[in-house]
C-alpha atoms as a PDB file:
ATOM      1  CA  UNK A   1     116.886 116.488 118.090  1.00  0.00           C
ATOM      2  CA  UNK A   2     115.385 113.583 120.035  1.00  0.00           C
ATOM      3  CA  UNK A   3     114.524 110.041 118.962  1.00  0.00           C
ATOM      4  CA  UNK A   4     110.864 110.935 118.326  1.00  0.00           C
ATOM      5  CA  UNK A   5     111.906 113.684 115.893  1.00  0.00           C
ATOM      6  CA  UNK A   6     114.185 111.245 114.080  1.00  0.00           C
ATOM      7  CA  UNK A   7     111.421 108.635 113.901  1.00  0.00           C
ATOM      8  CA  UNK A   8     108.942 111.216 112.635  1.00  0.00           C
ATOM      9  CA  UNK A   9     111.393 112.334 109.914  1.00  0.00           C
ATOM     10  CA  UNK A  10     111.956 108.704 108.941  1.00  0.00           C
ATOM     11  CA  UNK A  11     108.216 108.046 108.712  1.00  0.00           C
ATOM     12  CA  UNK A  12     107.775 111.153 106.558  1.00  0.00           C
ATOM     13  CA  UNK A  13     110.588 109.889 104.324  1.00  0.00           C
ATOM     14  CA  UNK A  14     108.929 106.475 104.087  1.00  0.00           C
ATOM     15  CA  UNK A  15     105.683 108.065 102.883  1.00  0.00           C
ATOM     16  CA  UNK A  16     107.626 110.205 100.389  1.00  0.00           C
ATOM     17  CA  UNK A  17     109.275 107.073  98.953  1.00  0.00           C
ATOM     18  CA  UNK A  18     105.901 105.511  98.125  1.00  0.00           C
ATOM     19  CA  UNK A  19     104.485 106.058  94.647  1.00  0.00           C
ATOM     20  CA  UNK A  20     100.907 107.156  94.163  1.00  0.00           C
ATOM     21  CA  UNK A  21      98.970 104.271  92.701  1.00  0.00           C
ATOM     22  CA  UNK A  22      99.491 100.512  92.529  1.00  0.00           C
ATOM     23  CA  UNK A  23     101.166 100.376  89.110  1.00  0.00           C
ATOM     24  CA  UNK A  24     104.755 100.644  90.407  1.00  0.00           C
ATOM     25  CA  UNK A  25     104.852  99.619  94.074  1.00  0.00           C
ATOM     26  CA  UNK A  26     108.148  99.887  95.951  1.00  0.00           C
ATOM     27  CA  UNK A  27     109.557  96.616  97.233  1.00  0.00           C
ATOM     28  CA  UNK A  28     109.857  96.442 101.030  1.00  0.00           C
ATOM     29  CA  UNK A  29     113.551  95.529 100.811  1.00  0.00           C
ATOM     30  CA  UNK A  30     114.200  98.627  98.699  1.00  0.00           C
ATOM     31  CA  UNK A  31     112.489 100.788 101.315  1.00  0.00           C
ATOM     32  CA  UNK A  32     114.406  99.091 104.154  1.00  0.00           C
ATOM     33  CA  UNK A  33     117.714  99.689 102.386  1.00  0.00           C
ATOM     34  CA  UNK A  34     116.928 103.358 101.715  1.00  0.00           C
ATOM     35  CA  UNK A  35     115.903 103.916 105.328  1.00  0.00           C
ATOM     36  CA  UNK A  36     118.783 101.841 106.724  1.00  0.00           C
ATOM     37  CA  UNK A  37     116.586  99.342 108.559  1.00  0.00           C
ATOM     38  CA  UNK A  38     115.035  95.906 108.011  1.00  0.00           C
ATOM     39  CA  UNK A  39     111.870  94.555 106.398  1.00  0.00           C
ATOM     40  CA  UNK A  40     110.188  93.770 109.714  1.00  0.00           C
ATOM     41  CA  UNK A  41     110.612  97.379 110.878  1.00  0.00           C
ATOM     42  CA  UNK A  42     109.199  98.707 107.602  1.00  0.00           C
ATOM     43  CA  UNK A  43     106.171  96.448 108.018  1.00  0.00           C
ATOM     44  CA  UNK A  44     105.635  97.752 111.566  1.00  0.00           C
ATOM     45  CA  UNK A  45     106.032 101.372 110.439  1.00  0.00           C
ATOM     46  CA  UNK A  46     103.532 100.861 107.610  1.00  0.00           C
ATOM     47  CA  UNK A  47     101.012  99.426 110.083  1.00  0.00           C
ATOM     48  CA  UNK A  48     101.613 102.411 112.393  1.00  0.00           C
ATOM     49  CA  UNK A  49     101.153 104.892 109.551  1.00  0.00           C
ATOM     50  CA  UNK A  50      97.881 103.250 108.509  1.00  0.00           C
ATOM     51  CA  UNK A  51      96.462 102.652 112.004  1.00  0.00           C
ATOM     52  CA  UNK A  52      97.583 105.815 113.793  1.00  0.00           C
ATOM     53  CA  UNK A  53      98.251 108.421 111.120  1.00  0.00           C
ATOM     54  CA  UNK A  54      95.585 107.541 108.556  1.00  0.00           C
ATOM     55  CA  UNK A  55      97.986 107.149 105.634  1.00  0.00           C
ATOM     56  CA  UNK A  56      96.340 105.067 102.856  1.00  0.00           C
ATOM     57  CA  UNK A  57      99.177 102.636 102.181  1.00  0.00           C
ATOM     58  CA  UNK A  58      98.340  99.618 100.073  1.00  0.00           C
ATOM     59  CA  UNK A  59     100.426  96.595  99.292  1.00  0.00           C
ATOM     60  CA  UNK A  60     100.593  94.217  96.388  1.00  0.00           C
ATOM     61  CA  UNK A  61     101.473  90.602  96.999  1.00  0.00           C
ATOM     62  CA  UNK A  62     101.624  89.678  93.320  1.00  0.00           C
ATOM     63  CA  UNK A  63     104.505  90.795  91.135  1.00  0.00           C
ATOM     64  CA  UNK A  64     105.543  93.496  91.152  1.00  0.00           C
ATOM     65  CA  UNK A  65     105.034  93.407  94.904  1.00  0.00           C
ATOM     66  CA  UNK A  66     105.466  96.249  97.342  1.00  0.00           C
ATOM     67  CA  UNK A  67     103.881  99.282  98.955  1.00  0.00           C
ATOM     68  CA  UNK A  68     102.146 102.251  97.348  1.00  0.00           C
ATOM     69  CA  UNK A  69      99.776 105.076  98.234  1.00  0.00           C
ATOM     70  CA  UNK A  70      96.164 104.143  97.473  1.00  0.00           C
ATOM     71  CA  UNK A  71      94.535 106.592  95.070  1.00  0.00           C
ATOM     72  CA  UNK A  72      91.209 104.943  94.175  1.00  0.00           C
ATOM     73  CA  UNK A  73      88.461 102.764  95.580  1.00  0.00           C
ATOM     74  CA  UNK A  74      89.594  99.951  93.267  1.00  0.00           C
ATOM     75  CA  UNK A  75      93.116 100.095  94.716  1.00  0.00           C
ATOM     76  CA  UNK A  76      91.665 100.199  98.234  1.00  0.00           C
ATOM     77  CA  UNK A  77      89.559  97.089  97.471  1.00  0.00           C
ATOM     78  CA  UNK A  78      92.559  95.313  95.945  1.00  0.00           C
ATOM     79  CA  UNK A  79      94.635  96.126  99.037  1.00  0.00           C
ATOM     80  CA  UNK A  80      92.002  95.118 101.589  1.00  0.00           C
ATOM     81  CA  UNK A  81      90.774  91.862  99.979  1.00  0.00           C
ATOM     82  CA  UNK A  82      93.877  89.784 100.829  1.00  0.00           C
ATOM     83  CA  UNK A  83      94.003  91.286 104.337  1.00  0.00           C
ATOM     84  CA  UNK A  84      90.381  90.280 104.902  1.00  0.00           C
ATOM     85  CA  UNK A  85      91.011  86.741 103.600  1.00  0.00           C
ATOM     86  CA  UNK A  86      94.131  86.415 105.780  1.00  0.00           C
ATOM     87  CA  UNK A  87      92.189  87.646 108.818  1.00  0.00           C
ATOM     88  CA  UNK A  88      89.443  85.090 108.260  1.00  0.00           C
ATOM     89  CA  UNK A  89      92.025  82.293 108.008  1.00  0.00           C
ATOM     90  CA  UNK A  90      93.710  83.479 111.220  1.00  0.00           C
ATOM     91  CA  UNK A  91      90.328  83.521 112.991  1.00  0.00           C
ATOM     92  CA  UNK A  92      89.641  79.941 111.834  1.00  0.00           C
ATOM     93  CA  UNK A  93      93.044  78.902 113.145  1.00  0.00           C
ATOM     94  CA  UNK A  94      92.425  80.604 116.499  1.00  0.00           C
ATOM     95  CA  UNK A  95      89.007  78.934 116.843  1.00  0.00           C
ATOM     96  CA  UNK A  96      90.497  75.544 115.995  1.00  0.00           C
ATOM     97  CA  UNK A  97      93.220  76.018 118.616  1.00  0.00           C
ATOM     98  CA  UNK A  98      90.559  76.887 121.197  1.00  0.00           C
ATOM     99  CA  UNK A  99      88.666  73.678 120.407  1.00  0.00           C
ATOM    100  CA  UNK A 100      91.597  71.224 120.577  1.00  0.00           C
ATOM    101  CA  UNK A 101      91.447  68.998 123.650  1.00  0.00           C
ATOM    102  CA  UNK A 102      94.859  69.359 125.258  1.00  0.00           C
ATOM    103  CA  UNK A 103      94.554  65.971 126.958  1.00  0.00           C
ATOM    104  CA  UNK A 104      93.567  63.815 123.983  1.00  0.00           C
ATOM    105  CA  UNK A 105      95.002  65.460 120.856  1.00  0.00           C
ATOM    106  CA  UNK A 106      98.148  63.276 120.840  1.00  0.00           C
ATOM    107  CA  UNK A 107      96.122  60.034 120.861  1.00  0.00           C
ATOM    108  CA  UNK A 108      93.945  61.348 118.022  1.00  0.00           C
ATOM    109  CA  UNK A 109      97.044  62.428 116.106  1.00  0.00           C
ATOM    110  CA  UNK A 110      98.717  59.034 116.527  1.00  0.00           C
ATOM    111  CA  UNK A 111      95.538  57.220 115.483  1.00  0.00           C
ATOM    112  CA  UNK A 112      95.295  59.391 112.347  1.00  0.00           C
ATOM    113  CA  UNK A 113      98.982  58.856 111.602  1.00  0.00           C
ATOM    114  CA  UNK A 114      98.524  55.051 111.717  1.00  0.00           C
ATOM    115  CA  UNK A 115      95.420  55.099 109.513  1.00  0.00           C
ATOM    116  CA  UNK A 116      97.131  57.426 106.990  1.00  0.00           C
ATOM    117  CA  UNK A 117     100.090  55.058 106.832  1.00  0.00           C
ATOM    118  CA  UNK A 118      97.756  52.077 106.227  1.00  0.00           C
ATOM    119  CA  UNK A 119      95.956  53.949 103.412  1.00  0.00           C
ATOM    120  CA  UNK A 120      99.241  54.834 101.715  1.00  0.00           C
ATOM    121  CA  UNK A 121     100.347  51.170 101.843  1.00  0.00           C
ATOM    122  CA  UNK A 122      96.983  50.014 100.449  1.00  0.00           C
ATOM    123  CA  UNK A 123      97.296  52.446  97.509  1.00  0.00           C
ATOM    124  CA  UNK A 124     100.920  51.571  96.721  1.00  0.00           C
END
């Protein structure tokens, strides 16, 4: 058996661990422990399964948090909404980084730091 076969078996096991529906998601640390790996690897495998194998894996960020197999449009919407919001925030951050003047930002930062300090003294 080669490494690809082992990885494929592990990915199949990961999918088998996941419950159908969002009611009882499996915590990422629980999955990592069962598959003898770490949380970062589980996250990468989940992304691979979604992006390359078409497995409908959702995640819940609120308690109880974890991964599950999406079984309805409502669950799909609940899983994609935070991803969409996160993506929009990341795009804003990227655009802001593109617009920062690399030659003058420090002067602007220091000027803002001084004026913030003055305001805090005035309000004390």
